[in-house]
Amino acid sequence: MTQQAAVRGRQWPKGTSGNPLGGSVVSKRIIELFESMRADFNDLTAIETELLLQAARLMWRAERVKDGDTAVRLTNSASRLLTNLRNGRRQREPATPTLQDYVRSRREAAKAKAELA
């Protein structure tokens, strides 16, 4: 039996981790990218969080790929996700005043009318 044949299969003894440090460098970098982009957004819904995480994954892959065309495609995909996320948040913001704003404006109008009388 050759040495290569002995290595085939499980390389680590049963019960021993192949990653002694435990964490993943990949996930740390993706989380780092996610957190840096998350600072641009205030309150994210669950779907918006997943979109932002997907953009971070795409950007991480773009950093690692050796082919320039693939890197550009991945970066463009991440950019489109971020643009859609920003545009969706703008549409979600209320264009009409809130109830508190309405009540406040009515009180101010009543005070101004009382001062004139």
PDB file of N, CA and C in Angstrom:
ATOM      1  N   MET A   1       0.842  -1.171   0.000  1.00  0.00           N
ATOM      2  CA  MET A   1       0.000   0.000   0.000  1.00  0.00           C
ATOM      3  C   MET A   1       0.893   1.243   0.000  1.00  0.00           C
ATOM      4  N   THR A   2       0.573   2.191  -0.865  1.00  0.00           N
ATOM      5  CA  THR A   2       1.372   3.410  -0.949  1.00  0.00           C
ATOM      6  C   THR A   2       0.892   4.412   0.087  1.00  0.00           C
ATOM      7  N   GLN A   3       1.689   5.456   0.243  1.00  0.00           N
ATOM      8  CA  GLN A   3       1.360   6.471   1.240  1.00  0.00           C
ATOM      9  C   GLN A   3       0.113   7.247   0.829  1.00  0.00           C
ATOM     10  N   GLN A   4      -0.075   7.500  -0.489  1.00  0.00           N
ATOM     11  CA  GLN A   4      -1.246   8.224  -0.968  1.00  0.00           C
ATOM     12  C   GLN A   4      -2.527   7.457  -0.673  1.00  0.00           C
ATOM     13  N   ALA A   5      -2.484   6.148  -0.803  1.00  0.00           N
ATOM     14  CA  ALA A   5      -3.673   5.341  -0.556  1.00  0.00           C
ATOM     15  C   ALA A   5      -4.089   5.428   0.912  1.00  0.00           C
ATOM     16  N   ALA A   6      -3.139   5.554   1.809  1.00  0.00           N
ATOM     17  CA  ALA A   6      -3.454   5.651   3.229  1.00  0.00           C
ATOM     18  C   ALA A   6      -4.111   6.985   3.567  1.00  0.00           C
ATOM     19  N   VAL A   7      -3.810   8.042   2.802  1.00  0.00           N
ATOM     20  CA  VAL A   7      -4.345   9.378   3.065  1.00  0.00           C
ATOM     21  C   VAL A   7      -5.765   9.514   2.532  1.00  0.00           C
ATOM     22  N   ARG A   8      -6.146   8.708   1.553  1.00  0.00           N
ATOM     23  CA  ARG A   8      -7.460   8.804   0.935  1.00  0.00           C
ATOM     24  C   ARG A   8      -8.551   8.610   1.987  1.00  0.00           C
ATOM     25  N   GLY A   9      -9.648   9.333   1.828  1.00  0.00           N
ATOM     26  CA  GLY A   9     -10.728   9.238   2.805  1.00  0.00           C
ATOM     27  C   GLY A   9     -10.619  10.340   3.846  1.00  0.00           C
ATOM     28  N   ARG A  10     -10.805   9.994   5.075  1.00  0.00           N
ATOM     29  CA  ARG A  10     -10.764  10.961   6.162  1.00  0.00           C
ATOM     30  C   ARG A  10      -9.315  11.307   6.487  1.00  0.00           C
ATOM     31  N   GLN A  11      -8.973  12.598   6.377  1.00  0.00           N
ATOM     32  CA  GLN A  11      -7.594  13.022   6.627  1.00  0.00           C
ATOM     33  C   GLN A  11      -7.333  13.278   8.104  1.00  0.00           C
ATOM     34  N   TRP A  12      -8.374  13.502   8.868  1.00  0.00           N
ATOM     35  CA  TRP A  12      -8.235  13.818  10.276  1.00  0.00           C
ATOM     36  C   TRP A  12      -8.767  12.647  11.094  1.00  0.00           C
ATOM     37  N   PRO A  13      -8.207  12.408  12.252  1.00  0.00           N
ATOM     38  CA  PRO A  13      -8.739  11.340  13.109  1.00  0.00           C
ATOM     39  C   PRO A  13     -10.189  11.641  13.483  1.00  0.00           C
ATOM     40  N   LYS A  14     -10.993  10.622  13.668  1.00  0.00           N
ATOM     41  CA  LYS A  14     -12.392  10.789  14.001  1.00  0.00           C
ATOM     42  C   LYS A  14     -12.527  11.604  15.294  1.00  0.00           C
ATOM     43  N   GLY A  15     -13.398  12.613  15.257  1.00  0.00           N
ATOM     44  CA  GLY A  15     -13.610  13.463  16.418  1.00  0.00           C
ATOM     45  C   GLY A  15     -12.696  14.675  16.476  1.00  0.00           C
ATOM     46  N   THR A  16     -11.786  14.828  15.503  1.00  0.00           N
ATOM     47  CA  THR A  16     -10.868  15.958  15.472  1.00  0.00           C
ATOM     48  C   THR A  16     -11.272  16.886  14.329  1.00  0.00           C
ATOM     49  N   SER A  17     -11.307  18.169  14.587  1.00  0.00           N
ATOM     50  CA  SER A  17     -11.702  19.143  13.583  1.00  0.00           C
ATOM     51  C   SER A  17     -10.579  19.367  12.582  1.00  0.00           C
ATOM     52  N   GLY A  18     -10.948  19.528  11.324  1.00  0.00           N
ATOM     53  CA  GLY A  18      -9.987  19.867  10.289  1.00  0.00           C
ATOM     54  C   GLY A  18      -9.633  21.338  10.315  1.00  0.00           C
ATOM     55  N   ASN A  19     -10.405  22.102  11.063  1.00  0.00           N
ATOM     56  CA  ASN A  19     -10.167  23.525  11.198  1.00  0.00           C
ATOM     57  C   ASN A  19      -9.953  23.819  12.685  1.00  0.00           C
ATOM     58  N   PRO A  20      -8.712  23.747  13.151  1.00  0.00           N
ATOM     59  CA  PRO A  20      -8.469  23.881  14.588  1.00  0.00           C
ATOM     60  C   PRO A  20      -8.841  25.234  15.174  1.00  0.00           C
ATOM     61  N   LEU A  21      -8.876  26.289  14.351  1.00  0.00           N
ATOM     62  CA  LEU A  21      -9.233  27.605  14.878  1.00  0.00           C
ATOM     63  C   LEU A  21     -10.737  27.756  15.037  1.00  0.00           C
ATOM     64  N   GLY A  22     -11.482  26.891  14.398  1.00  0.00           N
ATOM     65  CA  GLY A  22     -12.931  26.906  14.556  1.00  0.00           C
ATOM     66  C   GLY A  22     -13.649  27.805  13.577  1.00  0.00           C
ATOM     67  N   GLY A  23     -13.342  29.066  13.534  1.00  0.00           N
ATOM     68  CA  GLY A  23     -14.047  30.009  12.674  1.00  0.00           C
ATOM     69  C   GLY A  23     -13.618  29.913  11.232  1.00  0.00           C
ATOM     70  N   SER A  24     -14.332  30.624  10.408  1.00  0.00           N
ATOM     71  CA  SER A  24     -14.031  30.635   8.989  1.00  0.00           C
ATOM     72  C   SER A  24     -13.591  32.031   8.573  1.00  0.00           C
ATOM     73  N   VAL A  25     -12.480  32.107   7.883  1.00  0.00           N
ATOM     74  CA  VAL A  25     -12.000  33.391   7.386  1.00  0.00           C
ATOM     75  C   VAL A  25     -12.994  33.953   6.383  1.00  0.00           C
ATOM     76  N   VAL A  26     -13.616  33.068   5.622  1.00  0.00           N
ATOM     77  CA  VAL A  26     -14.596  33.485   4.621  1.00  0.00           C
ATOM     78  C   VAL A  26     -15.744  34.215   5.299  1.00  0.00           C
ATOM     79  N   SER A  27     -16.344  33.600   6.295  1.00  0.00           N
ATOM     80  CA  SER A  27     -17.501  34.219   6.922  1.00  0.00           C
ATOM     81  C   SER A  27     -17.119  35.521   7.632  1.00  0.00           C
ATOM     82  N   LYS A  28     -15.922  35.602   8.170  1.00  0.00           N
ATOM     83  CA  LYS A  28     -15.495  36.835   8.838  1.00  0.00           C
ATOM     84  C   LYS A  28     -15.423  37.987   7.848  1.00  0.00           C
ATOM     85  N   ARG A  29     -14.892  37.737   6.669  1.00  0.00           N
ATOM     86  CA  ARG A  29     -14.777  38.794   5.658  1.00  0.00           C
ATOM     87  C   ARG A  29     -16.149  39.194   5.136  1.00  0.00           C
ATOM     88  N   ILE A  30     -17.028  38.225   4.928  1.00  0.00           N
ATOM     89  CA  ILE A  30     -18.373  38.544   4.453  1.00  0.00           C
ATOM     90  C   ILE A  30     -19.101  39.385   5.501  1.00  0.00           C
ATOM     91  N   ILE A  31     -18.967  39.034   6.756  1.00  0.00           N
ATOM     92  CA  ILE A  31     -19.618  39.798   7.827  1.00  0.00           C
ATOM     93  C   ILE A  31     -19.018  41.194   7.922  1.00  0.00           C
ATOM     94  N   GLU A  32     -17.718  41.291   7.706  1.00  0.00           N
ATOM     95  CA  GLU A  32     -17.056  42.595   7.707  1.00  0.00           C
ATOM     96  C   GLU A  32     -17.623  43.481   6.599  1.00  0.00           C
ATOM     97  N   LEU A  33     -17.782  42.923   5.389  1.00  0.00           N
ATOM     98  CA  LEU A  33     -18.371  43.676   4.279  1.00  0.00           C
ATOM     99  C   LEU A  33     -19.820  44.050   4.585  1.00  0.00           C
ATOM    100  N   PHE A  34     -20.565  43.094   5.133  1.00  0.00           N
ATOM    101  CA  PHE A  34     -21.969  43.325   5.466  1.00  0.00           C
ATOM    102  C   PHE A  34     -22.110  44.465   6.465  1.00  0.00           C
ATOM    103  N   GLU A  35     -21.314  44.434   7.517  1.00  0.00           N
ATOM    104  CA  GLU A  35     -21.405  45.468   8.555  1.00  0.00           C
ATOM    105  C   GLU A  35     -21.028  46.842   8.016  1.00  0.00           C
ATOM    106  N   SER A  36     -20.047  46.888   7.115  1.00  0.00           N
ATOM    107  CA  SER A  36     -19.658  48.191   6.567  1.00  0.00           C
ATOM    108  C   SER A  36     -20.765  48.773   5.683  1.00  0.00           C
ATOM    109  N   MET A  37     -21.491  47.905   4.958  1.00  0.00           N
ATOM    110  CA  MET A  37     -22.594  48.396   4.121  1.00  0.00           C
ATOM    111  C   MET A  37     -23.844  48.655   4.949  1.00  0.00           C
ATOM    112  N   ARG A  38     -24.014  47.925   6.032  1.00  0.00           N
ATOM    113  CA  ARG A  38     -25.188  48.072   6.878  1.00  0.00           C
ATOM    114  C   ARG A  38     -25.242  49.448   7.524  1.00  0.00           C
ATOM    115  N   ALA A  39     -24.103  50.062   7.712  1.00  0.00           N
ATOM    116  CA  ALA A  39     -24.054  51.400   8.324  1.00  0.00           C
ATOM    117  C   ALA A  39     -24.791  52.430   7.477  1.00  0.00           C
ATOM    118  N   ASP A  40     -24.954  52.165   6.172  1.00  0.00           N
ATOM    119  CA  ASP A  40     -25.650  53.102   5.295  1.00  0.00           C
ATOM    120  C   ASP A  40     -27.171  53.040   5.439  1.00  0.00           C
ATOM    121  N   PHE A  41     -27.662  51.975   6.057  1.00  0.00           N
ATOM    122  CA  PHE A  41     -29.099  51.786   6.190  1.00  0.00           C
ATOM    123  C   PHE A  41     -29.476  51.806   7.663  1.00  0.00           C
ATOM    124  N   ASN A  42     -30.627  52.393   7.963  1.00  0.00           N
ATOM    125  CA  ASN A  42     -31.054  52.481   9.363  1.00  0.00           C
ATOM    126  C   ASN A  42     -31.707  51.197   9.837  1.00  0.00           C
ATOM    127  N   ASP A  43     -32.950  51.010   9.505  1.00  0.00           N
ATOM    128  CA  ASP A  43     -33.724  49.882  10.014  1.00  0.00           C
ATOM    129  C   ASP A  43     -34.028  48.949   8.849  1.00  0.00           C
ATOM    130  N   LEU A  44     -33.424  47.773   8.834  1.00  0.00           N
ATOM    131  CA  LEU A  44     -33.599  46.827   7.736  1.00  0.00           C
ATOM    132  C   LEU A  44     -34.641  45.772   8.085  1.00  0.00           C
ATOM    133  N   THR A  45     -35.475  45.444   7.103  1.00  0.00           N
ATOM    134  CA  THR A  45     -36.388  44.319   7.276  1.00  0.00           C
ATOM    135  C   THR A  45     -35.589  43.039   7.047  1.00  0.00           C
ATOM    136  N   ALA A  46     -36.224  41.902   7.273  1.00  0.00           N
ATOM    137  CA  ALA A  46     -35.543  40.612   7.093  1.00  0.00           C
ATOM    138  C   ALA A  46     -35.129  40.417   5.635  1.00  0.00           C
ATOM    139  N   ILE A  47     -35.982  40.784   4.710  1.00  0.00           N
ATOM    140  CA  ILE A  47     -35.667  40.623   3.289  1.00  0.00           C
ATOM    141  C   ILE A  47     -34.536  41.557   2.891  1.00  0.00           C
ATOM    142  N   GLU A  48     -34.579  42.788   3.377  1.00  0.00           N
ATOM    143  CA  GLU A  48     -33.507  43.734   3.068  1.00  0.00           C
ATOM    144  C   GLU A  48     -32.174  43.261   3.646  1.00  0.00           C
ATOM    145  N   THR A  49     -32.206  42.650   4.813  1.00  0.00           N
ATOM    146  CA  THR A  49     -30.985  42.113   5.421  1.00  0.00           C
ATOM    147  C   THR A  49     -30.403  41.007   4.551  1.00  0.00           C
ATOM    148  N   GLU A  50     -31.263  40.126   4.042  1.00  0.00           N
ATOM    149  CA  GLU A  50     -30.793  39.038   3.178  1.00  0.00           C
ATOM    150  C   GLU A  50     -30.228  39.583   1.866  1.00  0.00           C
ATOM    151  N   LEU A  51     -30.863  40.601   1.300  1.00  0.00           N
ATOM    152  CA  LEU A  51     -30.339  41.213   0.077  1.00  0.00           C
ATOM    153  C   LEU A  51     -28.966  41.828   0.321  1.00  0.00           C
ATOM    154  N   LEU A  52     -28.815  42.488   1.440  1.00  0.00           N
ATOM    155  CA  LEU A  52     -27.543  43.102   1.779  1.00  0.00           C
ATOM    156  C   LEU A  52     -26.473  42.037   2.019  1.00  0.00           C
ATOM    157  N   LEU A  53     -26.847  40.938   2.648  1.00  0.00           N
ATOM    158  CA  LEU A  53     -25.912  39.835   2.873  1.00  0.00           C
ATOM    159  C   LEU A  53     -25.506  39.191   1.545  1.00  0.00           C
ATOM    160  N   GLN A  54     -26.454  39.054   0.630  1.00  0.00           N
ATOM    161  CA  GLN A  54     -26.135  38.501  -0.689  1.00  0.00           C
ATOM    162  C   GLN A  54     -25.173  39.423  -1.437  1.00  0.00           C
ATOM    163  N   ALA A  55     -25.368  40.723  -1.327  1.00  0.00           N
ATOM    164  CA  ALA A  55     -24.446  41.677  -1.955  1.00  0.00           C
ATOM    165  C   ALA A  55     -23.047  41.540  -1.361  1.00  0.00           C
ATOM    166  N   ALA A  56     -22.966  41.330  -0.048  1.00  0.00           N
ATOM    167  CA  ALA A  56     -21.664  41.141   0.608  1.00  0.00           C
ATOM    168  C   ALA A  56     -20.995  39.861   0.113  1.00  0.00           C
ATOM    169  N   ARG A  57     -21.784  38.793  -0.057  1.00  0.00           N
ATOM    170  CA  ARG A  57     -21.224  37.535  -0.582  1.00  0.00           C
ATOM    171  C   ARG A  57     -20.685  37.720  -1.997  1.00  0.00           C
ATOM    172  N   LEU A  58     -21.450  38.424  -2.823  1.00  0.00           N
ATOM    173  CA  LEU A  58     -21.006  38.663  -4.201  1.00  0.00           C
ATOM    174  C   LEU A  58     -19.723  39.483  -4.230  1.00  0.00           C
ATOM    175  N   MET A  59     -19.647  40.483  -3.369  1.00  0.00           N
ATOM    176  CA  MET A  59     -18.437  41.307  -3.323  1.00  0.00           C
ATOM    177  C   MET A  59     -17.239  40.497  -2.833  1.00  0.00           C
ATOM    178  N   TRP A  60     -17.468  39.594  -1.876  1.00  0.00           N
ATOM    179  CA  TRP A  60     -16.389  38.733  -1.394  1.00  0.00           C
ATOM    180  C   TRP A  60     -15.891  37.836  -2.518  1.00  0.00           C
ATOM    181  N   ARG A  61     -16.825  37.267  -3.268  1.00  0.00           N
ATOM    182  CA  ARG A  61     -16.418  36.404  -4.387  1.00  0.00           C
ATOM    183  C   ARG A  61     -15.672  37.207  -5.441  1.00  0.00           C
ATOM    184  N   ALA A  62     -16.090  38.455  -5.673  1.00  0.00           N
ATOM    185  CA  ALA A  62     -15.408  39.309  -6.655  1.00  0.00           C
ATOM    186  C   ALA A  62     -13.980  39.612  -6.217  1.00  0.00           C
ATOM    187  N   GLU A  63     -13.765  39.711  -4.912  1.00  0.00           N
ATOM    188  CA  GLU A  63     -12.405  39.942  -4.406  1.00  0.00           C
ATOM    189  C   GLU A  63     -11.505  38.735  -4.657  1.00  0.00           C
ATOM    190  N   ARG A  64     -12.067  37.539  -4.631  1.00  0.00           N
ATOM    191  CA  ARG A  64     -11.287  36.307  -4.685  1.00  0.00           C
ATOM    192  C   ARG A  64     -11.058  35.769  -6.092  1.00  0.00           C
ATOM    193  N   VAL A  65     -11.924  36.100  -7.029  1.00  0.00           N
ATOM    194  CA  VAL A  65     -11.857  35.515  -8.365  1.00  0.00           C
ATOM    195  C   VAL A  65     -10.657  36.070  -9.135  1.00  0.00           C
ATOM    196  N   LYS A  66     -10.076  35.238  -9.964  1.00  0.00           N
ATOM    197  CA  LYS A  66      -8.887  35.651 -10.715  1.00  0.00           C
ATOM    198  C   LYS A  66      -9.231  36.230 -12.086  1.00  0.00           C
ATOM    199  N   ASP A  67     -10.379  35.854 -12.622  1.00  0.00           N
ATOM    200  CA  ASP A  67     -10.810  36.326 -13.935  1.00  0.00           C
ATOM    201  C   ASP A  67     -11.445  37.708 -13.805  1.00  0.00           C
ATOM    202  N   GLY A  68     -10.948  38.659 -14.568  1.00  0.00           N
ATOM    203  CA  GLY A  68     -11.448  40.029 -14.486  1.00  0.00           C
ATOM    204  C   GLY A  68     -12.898  40.161 -14.902  1.00  0.00           C
ATOM    205  N   ASP A  69     -13.304  39.426 -15.960  1.00  0.00           N
ATOM    206  CA  ASP A  69     -14.698  39.497 -16.412  1.00  0.00           C
ATOM    207  C   ASP A  69     -15.661  39.009 -15.331  1.00  0.00           C
ATOM    208  N   THR A  70     -15.304  37.931 -14.695  1.00  0.00           N
ATOM    209  CA  THR A  70     -16.156  37.393 -13.631  1.00  0.00           C
ATOM    210  C   THR A  70     -16.223  38.363 -12.459  1.00  0.00           C
ATOM    211  N   ALA A  71     -15.104  38.986 -12.142  1.00  0.00           N
ATOM    212  CA  ALA A  71     -15.088  39.960 -11.052  1.00  0.00           C
ATOM    213  C   ALA A  71     -16.011  41.133 -11.362  1.00  0.00           C
ATOM    214  N   VAL A  72     -15.995  41.592 -12.602  1.00  0.00           N
ATOM    215  CA  VAL A  72     -16.858  42.704 -13.004  1.00  0.00           C
ATOM    216  C   VAL A  72     -18.323  42.294 -12.920  1.00  0.00           C
ATOM    217  N   ARG A  73     -18.642  41.082 -13.378  1.00  0.00           N
ATOM    218  CA  ARG A  73     -20.026  40.607 -13.317  1.00  0.00           C
ATOM    219  C   ARG A  73     -20.518  40.512 -11.872  1.00  0.00           C
ATOM    220  N   LEU A  74     -19.673  39.978 -11.012  1.00  0.00           N
ATOM    221  CA  LEU A  74     -20.065  39.853  -9.606  1.00  0.00           C
ATOM    222  C   LEU A  74     -20.248  41.220  -8.952  1.00  0.00           C
ATOM    223  N   THR A  75     -19.352  42.142  -9.259  1.00  0.00           N
ATOM    224  CA  THR A  75     -19.457  43.496  -8.701  1.00  0.00           C
ATOM    225  C   THR A  75     -20.702  44.199  -9.217  1.00  0.00           C
ATOM    226  N   ASN A  76     -21.010  44.025 -10.508  1.00  0.00           N
ATOM    227  CA  ASN A  76     -22.215  44.637 -11.071  1.00  0.00           C
ATOM    228  C   ASN A  76     -23.473  44.058 -10.430  1.00  0.00           C
ATOM    229  N   SER A  77     -23.472  42.761 -10.185  1.00  0.00           N
ATOM    230  CA  SER A  77     -24.629  42.142  -9.525  1.00  0.00           C
ATOM    231  C   SER A  77     -24.812  42.709  -8.123  1.00  0.00           C
ATOM    232  N   ALA A  78     -23.719  42.854  -7.383  1.00  0.00           N
ATOM    233  CA  ALA A  78     -23.796  43.434  -6.041  1.00  0.00           C
ATOM    234  C   ALA A  78     -24.281  44.872  -6.110  1.00  0.00           C
ATOM    235  N   SER A  79     -23.810  45.609  -7.088  1.00  0.00           N
ATOM    236  CA  SER A  79     -24.216  46.999  -7.250  1.00  0.00           C
ATOM    237  C   SER A  79     -25.714  47.100  -7.552  1.00  0.00           C
ATOM    238  N   ARG A  80     -26.216  46.213  -8.419  1.00  0.00           N
ATOM    239  CA  ARG A  80     -27.647  46.220  -8.731  1.00  0.00           C
ATOM    240  C   ARG A  80     -28.483  45.887  -7.493  1.00  0.00           C
ATOM    241  N   LEU A  81     -28.026  44.933  -6.709  1.00  0.00           N
ATOM    242  CA  LEU A  81     -28.742  44.604  -5.471  1.00  0.00           C
ATOM    243  C   LEU A  81     -28.810  45.812  -4.535  1.00  0.00           C
ATOM    244  N   LEU A  82     -27.684  46.498  -4.372  1.00  0.00           N
ATOM    245  CA  LEU A  82     -27.651  47.664  -3.489  1.00  0.00           C
ATOM    246  C   LEU A  82     -28.522  48.796  -4.023  1.00  0.00           C
ATOM    247  N   THR A  83     -28.514  49.002  -5.344  1.00  0.00           N
ATOM    248  CA  THR A  83     -29.350  50.037  -5.945  1.00  0.00           C
ATOM    249  C   THR A  83     -30.822  49.724  -5.747  1.00  0.00           C
ATOM    250  N   ASN A  84     -31.204  48.472  -5.981  1.00  0.00           N
ATOM    251  CA  ASN A  84     -32.601  48.081  -5.763  1.00  0.00           C
ATOM    252  C   ASN A  84     -32.993  48.237  -4.302  1.00  0.00           C
ATOM    253  N   LEU A  85     -32.090  47.930  -3.420  1.00  0.00           N
ATOM    254  CA  LEU A  85     -32.359  48.066  -1.993  1.00  0.00           C
ATOM    255  C   LEU A  85     -32.573  49.533  -1.623  1.00  0.00           C
ATOM    256  N   ARG A  86     -31.718  50.404  -2.128  1.00  0.00           N
ATOM    257  CA  ARG A  86     -31.876  51.845  -1.840  1.00  0.00           C
ATOM    258  C   ARG A  86     -33.167  52.396  -2.434  1.00  0.00           C
ATOM    259  N   ASN A  87     -33.467  52.032  -3.696  1.00  0.00           N
ATOM    260  CA  ASN A  87     -34.685  52.532  -4.346  1.00  0.00           C
ATOM    261  C   ASN A  87     -35.933  52.012  -3.651  1.00  0.00           C
ATOM    262  N   GLY A  88     -35.910  50.777  -3.218  1.00  0.00           N
ATOM    263  CA  GLY A  88     -37.052  50.216  -2.502  1.00  0.00           C
ATOM    264  C   GLY A  88     -37.292  50.907  -1.186  1.00  0.00           C
ATOM    265  N   ARG A  89     -36.228  51.294  -0.510  1.00  0.00           N
ATOM    266  CA  ARG A  89     -36.372  51.994   0.768  1.00  0.00           C
ATOM    267  C   ARG A  89     -36.940  53.389   0.546  1.00  0.00           C
ATOM    268  N   ARG A  90     -36.560  54.047  -0.552  1.00  0.00           N
ATOM    269  CA  ARG A  90     -37.097  55.386  -0.835  1.00  0.00           C
ATOM    270  C   ARG A  90     -38.598  55.312  -1.078  1.00  0.00           C
ATOM    271  N   GLN A  91     -39.036  54.289  -1.789  1.00  0.00           N
ATOM    272  CA  GLN A  91     -40.466  54.147  -2.077  1.00  0.00           C
ATOM    273  C   GLN A  91     -41.254  53.827  -0.814  1.00  0.00           C
ATOM    274  N   ARG A  92     -40.618  53.160   0.129  1.00  0.00           N
ATOM    275  CA  ARG A  92     -41.282  52.772   1.360  1.00  0.00           C
ATOM    276  C   ARG A  92     -41.487  53.935   2.312  1.00  0.00           C
ATOM    277  N   GLU A  93     -40.678  54.960   2.207  1.00  0.00           N
ATOM    278  CA  GLU A  93     -40.796  56.102   3.115  1.00  0.00           C
ATOM    279  C   GLU A  93     -42.120  56.825   2.867  1.00  0.00           C
ATOM    280  N   PRO A  94     -42.850  57.183   3.916  1.00  0.00           N
ATOM    281  CA  PRO A  94     -44.160  57.792   3.725  1.00  0.00           C
ATOM    282  C   PRO A  94     -44.044  59.194   3.119  1.00  0.00           C
ATOM    283  N   ALA A  95     -44.844  59.431   2.090  1.00  0.00           N
ATOM    284  CA  ALA A  95     -44.863  60.748   1.450  1.00  0.00           C
ATOM    285  C   ALA A  95     -45.835  61.667   2.187  1.00  0.00           C
ATOM    286  N   THR A  96     -46.833  61.085   2.833  1.00  0.00           N
ATOM    287  CA  THR A  96     -47.800  61.879   3.573  1.00  0.00           C
ATOM    288  C   THR A  96     -47.335  62.027   5.011  1.00  0.00           C
ATOM    289  N   PRO A  97     -47.801  63.075   5.688  1.00  0.00           N
ATOM    290  CA  PRO A  97     -47.381  63.263   7.080  1.00  0.00           C
ATOM    291  C   PRO A  97     -47.970  62.174   7.979  1.00  0.00           C
ATOM    292  N   THR A  98     -47.283  61.880   9.041  1.00  0.00           N
ATOM    293  CA  THR A  98     -47.775  60.905  10.012  1.00  0.00           C
ATOM    294  C   THR A  98     -48.879  61.545  10.846  1.00  0.00           C
ATOM    295  N   LEU A  99     -49.557  60.745  11.622  1.00  0.00           N
ATOM    296  CA  LEU A  99     -50.625  61.255  12.481  1.00  0.00           C
ATOM    297  C   LEU A  99     -50.085  62.256  13.492  1.00  0.00           C
ATOM    298  N   GLN A 100     -48.902  61.978  14.023  1.00  0.00           N
ATOM    299  CA  GLN A 100     -48.298  62.899  14.994  1.00  0.00           C
ATOM    300  C   GLN A 100     -47.998  64.249  14.354  1.00  0.00           C
ATOM    301  N   ASP A 101     -47.504  64.227  13.111  1.00  0.00           N
ATOM    302  CA  ASP A 101     -47.236  65.485  12.408  1.00  0.00           C
ATOM    303  C   ASP A 101     -48.525  66.264  12.176  1.00  0.00           C
ATOM    304  N   TYR A 102     -49.594  65.540  11.806  1.00  0.00           N
ATOM    305  CA  TYR A 102     -50.881  66.186  11.554  1.00  0.00           C
ATOM    306  C   TYR A 102     -51.421  66.828  12.827  1.00  0.00           C
ATOM    307  N   VAL A 103     -51.379  66.086  13.937  1.00  0.00           N
ATOM    308  CA  VAL A 103     -51.882  66.607  15.210  1.00  0.00           C
ATOM    309  C   VAL A 103     -51.060  67.817  15.639  1.00  0.00           C
ATOM    310  N   ARG A 104     -49.752  67.748  15.491  1.00  0.00           N
ATOM    311  CA  ARG A 104     -48.881  68.856  15.857  1.00  0.00           C
ATOM    312  C   ARG A 104     -49.213  70.103  15.029  1.00  0.00           C
ATOM    313  N   SER A 105     -49.426  69.933  13.738  1.00  0.00           N
ATOM    314  CA  SER A 105     -49.727  71.094  12.887  1.00  0.00           C
ATOM    315  C   SER A 105     -51.083  71.706  13.246  1.00  0.00           C
ATOM    316  N   ARG A 106     -52.057  70.850  13.614  1.00  0.00           N
ATOM    317  CA  ARG A 106     -53.365  71.373  14.009  1.00  0.00           C
ATOM    318  C   ARG A 106     -53.274  72.156  15.320  1.00  0.00           C
ATOM    319  N   ARG A 107     -52.451  71.668  16.259  1.00  0.00           N
ATOM    320  CA  ARG A 107     -52.278  72.384  17.529  1.00  0.00           C
ATOM    321  C   ARG A 107     -51.613  73.738  17.300  1.00  0.00           C
ATOM    322  N   GLU A 108     -50.593  73.741  16.459  1.00  0.00           N
ATOM    323  CA  GLU A 108     -49.901  75.001  16.162  1.00  0.00           C
ATOM    324  C   GLU A 108     -50.831  75.990  15.481  1.00  0.00           C
ATOM    325  N   ALA A 109     -51.682  75.488  14.584  1.00  0.00           N
ATOM    326  CA  ALA A 109     -52.648  76.368  13.911  1.00  0.00           C
ATOM    327  C   ALA A 109     -53.654  76.930  14.911  1.00  0.00           C
ATOM    328  N   ALA A 110     -54.081  76.084  15.862  1.00  0.00           N
ATOM    329  CA  ALA A 110     -55.038  76.544  16.870  1.00  0.00           C
ATOM    330  C   ALA A 110     -54.401  77.594  17.777  1.00  0.00           C
ATOM    331  N   LYS A 111     -53.124  77.382  18.148  1.00  0.00           N
ATOM    332  CA  LYS A 111     -52.428  78.372  18.983  1.00  0.00           C
ATOM    333  C   LYS A 111     -52.281  79.692  18.263  1.00  0.00           C
ATOM    334  N   ALA A 112     -51.926  79.619  16.985  1.00  0.00           N
ATOM    335  CA  ALA A 112     -51.761  80.851  16.210  1.00  0.00           C
ATOM    336  C   ALA A 112     -53.105  81.597  16.086  1.00  0.00           C
ATOM    337  N   LYS A 113     -54.177  80.875  15.925  1.00  0.00           N
ATOM    338  CA  LYS A 113     -55.490  81.491  15.814  1.00  0.00           C
ATOM    339  C   LYS A 113     -55.918  82.120  17.134  1.00  0.00           C
ATOM    340  N   ALA A 114     -55.589  81.458  18.240  1.00  0.00           N
ATOM    341  CA  ALA A 114     -55.931  81.977  19.578  1.00  0.00           C
ATOM    342  C   ALA A 114     -55.132  83.239  19.875  1.00  0.00           C
ATOM    343  N   GLU A 115     -53.898  83.307  19.429  1.00  0.00           N
ATOM    344  CA  GLU A 115     -53.069  84.495  19.672  1.00  0.00           C
ATOM    345  C   GLU A 115     -53.565  85.694  18.882  1.00  0.00           C
ATOM    346  N   LEU A 116     -54.142  85.461  17.710  1.00  0.00           N
ATOM    347  CA  LEU A 116     -54.659  86.560  16.898  1.00  0.00           C
ATOM    348  C   LEU A 116     -55.965  87.105  17.465  1.00  0.00           C
ATOM    349  N   ALA A 117     -56.704  86.278  18.150  1.00  0.00           N
ATOM    350  CA  ALA A 117     -58.019  86.701  18.650  1.00  0.00           C
ATOM    351  C   ALA A 117     -57.932  87.517  19.910  1.00  0.00           C
TER     352      ALA A 117
END
